[in-house]
Amino acid sequence: MSAFKIKKGDNVIVLAGRDKGKRGEVVEIRPKEARALVRGINMVRRHQRQTGAQEGGIISKEGPIAISNIAIEDPKDGKPTRVGFKVLADGKKVRIAKRSGEQIPEKN
């Protein structure tokens, strides 16, 4: 298992599958499964039993999508890009977009 270059809060573009071309924000990363949850992408419908706190019925929620099927959105032109790393003069390691060379902003 390796660390992924995509992080929670990144804006990504779907490269393959039913939602190809759609954009969304990463909500959760699941490293053991090599999958990510992206807001508004891979919506699945689930039958939910009614509980004291939650109403029953059919609900829609995001399903996990393979990390290999998403790419980070380039901060400069909004197209899919690969991710590289660069060490700044102050010694801080940052992610950069291979397409434009722009620094990918951190969302914490």
Protein backbone atom coordinates (compact mmCIF):
# COMPACT_ATOMS: atom_id res chain seq x y z
CA MET A 1 0.00 0.00 0.00
CA SER A 2 1.38 3.40 -0.96
CA ALA A 3 0.40 6.93 -0.03
CA PHE A 4 -1.93 8.66 -2.47
CA LYS A 5 -1.34 12.04 -4.07
CA ILE A 6 -5.04 12.87 -3.80
CA LYS A 7 -6.22 14.19 -0.43
CA LYS A 8 -9.47 15.04 1.30
CA GLY A 9 -10.76 18.41 0.09
CA ASP A 10 -9.15 18.23 -3.38
CA ASN A 11 -11.19 19.11 -6.45
CA VAL A 12 -11.07 16.17 -8.84
CA ILE A 13 -12.34 15.15 -12.29
CA VAL A 14 -13.66 11.64 -13.05
CA LEU A 15 -11.67 9.99 -15.87
CA ALA A 16 -13.66 6.77 -16.39
CA GLY A 17 -17.00 5.20 -15.67
CA ARG A 18 -20.62 6.33 -15.53
CA ASP A 19 -19.73 9.82 -14.25
CA LYS A 20 -16.85 10.50 -16.67
CA GLY A 21 -16.12 14.22 -17.00
CA LYS A 22 -17.92 15.23 -13.80
CA ARG A 23 -16.17 17.25 -11.11
CA GLY A 24 -16.43 17.03 -7.35
CA GLU A 25 -14.67 17.45 -4.04
CA VAL A 26 -13.05 14.50 -2.25
CA VAL A 27 -14.96 13.80 0.97
CA GLU A 28 -13.03 10.73 2.16
CA ILE A 29 -10.02 8.63 1.12
CA ARG A 30 -9.99 4.87 1.81
CA PRO A 31 -6.33 3.82 1.39
CA LYS A 32 -6.83 0.11 2.16
CA GLU A 33 -9.39 -0.16 -0.66
CA ALA A 34 -7.62 2.36 -2.97
CA ARG A 35 -10.92 4.21 -3.28
CA ALA A 36 -12.30 7.67 -2.59
CA LEU A 37 -15.70 9.22 -1.89
CA VAL A 38 -16.35 12.24 -4.09
CA ARG A 39 -19.27 14.61 -3.42
CA GLY A 40 -22.01 14.10 -6.03
CA ILE A 41 -20.18 11.32 -7.90
CA ASN A 42 -21.20 7.62 -8.20
CA MET A 43 -24.55 8.18 -6.49
CA VAL A 44 -26.15 4.92 -5.35
CA ARG A 45 -29.62 4.35 -3.96
CA ARG A 46 -30.03 2.40 -0.72
CA HIS A 47 -33.13 1.15 1.07
CA GLN A 48 -33.03 2.55 4.60
CA ARG A 49 -35.04 1.03 7.44
CA GLN A 50 -36.74 3.55 9.69
CA THR A 51 -35.11 4.11 13.08
CA GLY A 52 -35.87 6.42 15.97
CA ALA A 53 -33.47 9.04 14.64
CA GLN A 54 -33.78 8.49 10.87
CA GLU A 55 -36.69 8.24 8.50
CA GLY A 56 -36.99 5.17 6.29
CA GLY A 57 -37.22 5.00 2.50
CA ILE A 58 -34.86 5.03 -0.45
CA ILE A 59 -31.90 7.36 0.08
CA SER A 60 -29.17 8.43 -2.34
CA LYS A 61 -25.56 8.66 -1.23
CA GLU A 62 -22.09 8.64 -2.74
CA GLY A 63 -20.45 5.31 -3.45
CA PRO A 64 -16.67 4.88 -3.44
CA ILE A 65 -14.81 5.32 -6.74
CA ALA A 66 -11.38 3.88 -7.61
CA ILE A 67 -8.50 6.33 -7.09
CA SER A 68 -7.18 5.40 -10.55
CA ASN A 69 -10.38 6.77 -12.11
CA ILE A 70 -10.01 10.30 -10.75
CA ALA A 71 -7.45 13.04 -11.38
CA ILE A 72 -6.78 16.32 -9.61
CA GLU A 73 -8.09 19.45 -11.33
CA ASP A 74 -5.31 21.81 -12.45
CA PRO A 75 -5.63 25.07 -10.45
CA LYS A 76 -4.68 27.12 -13.55
CA ASP A 77 -6.95 25.78 -16.34
CA GLY A 78 -9.28 23.28 -14.60
CA LYS A 79 -8.21 20.27 -16.69
CA PRO A 80 -7.07 16.90 -15.25
CA THR A 81 -3.43 16.76 -14.22
CA ARG A 82 -0.93 14.47 -12.57
CA VAL A 83 0.69 15.44 -9.29
CA GLY A 84 4.35 16.07 -8.58
CA PHE A 85 6.24 17.28 -5.53
CA LYS A 86 8.61 20.18 -5.04
CA VAL A 87 10.62 21.34 -2.03
CA LEU A 88 10.39 25.10 -1.48
CA ALA A 89 13.29 27.29 -0.33
CA ASP A 90 12.05 27.16 3.27
CA GLY A 91 12.19 23.33 3.18
CA LYS A 92 8.43 22.76 2.89
CA LYS A 93 7.33 19.97 0.53
CA VAL A 94 4.35 20.95 -1.64
CA ARG A 95 2.28 19.28 -4.37
CA ILE A 96 2.46 20.78 -7.86
CA ALA A 97 0.38 20.20 -10.99
CA LYS A 98 2.50 18.53 -13.68
CA ARG A 99 0.41 20.18 -16.41
CA SER A 100 1.02 23.83 -15.46
CA GLY A 101 3.63 23.72 -12.69
CA GLU A 102 1.23 25.56 -10.36
CA GLN A 103 1.17 24.71 -6.66
CA ILE A 104 -1.92 22.75 -5.59
CA PRO A 105 -3.54 24.59 -2.69
CA GLU A 106 -3.86 22.68 0.59
CA LYS A 107 -7.39 22.42 2.02
CA ASN A 108 -7.42 21.74 5.74
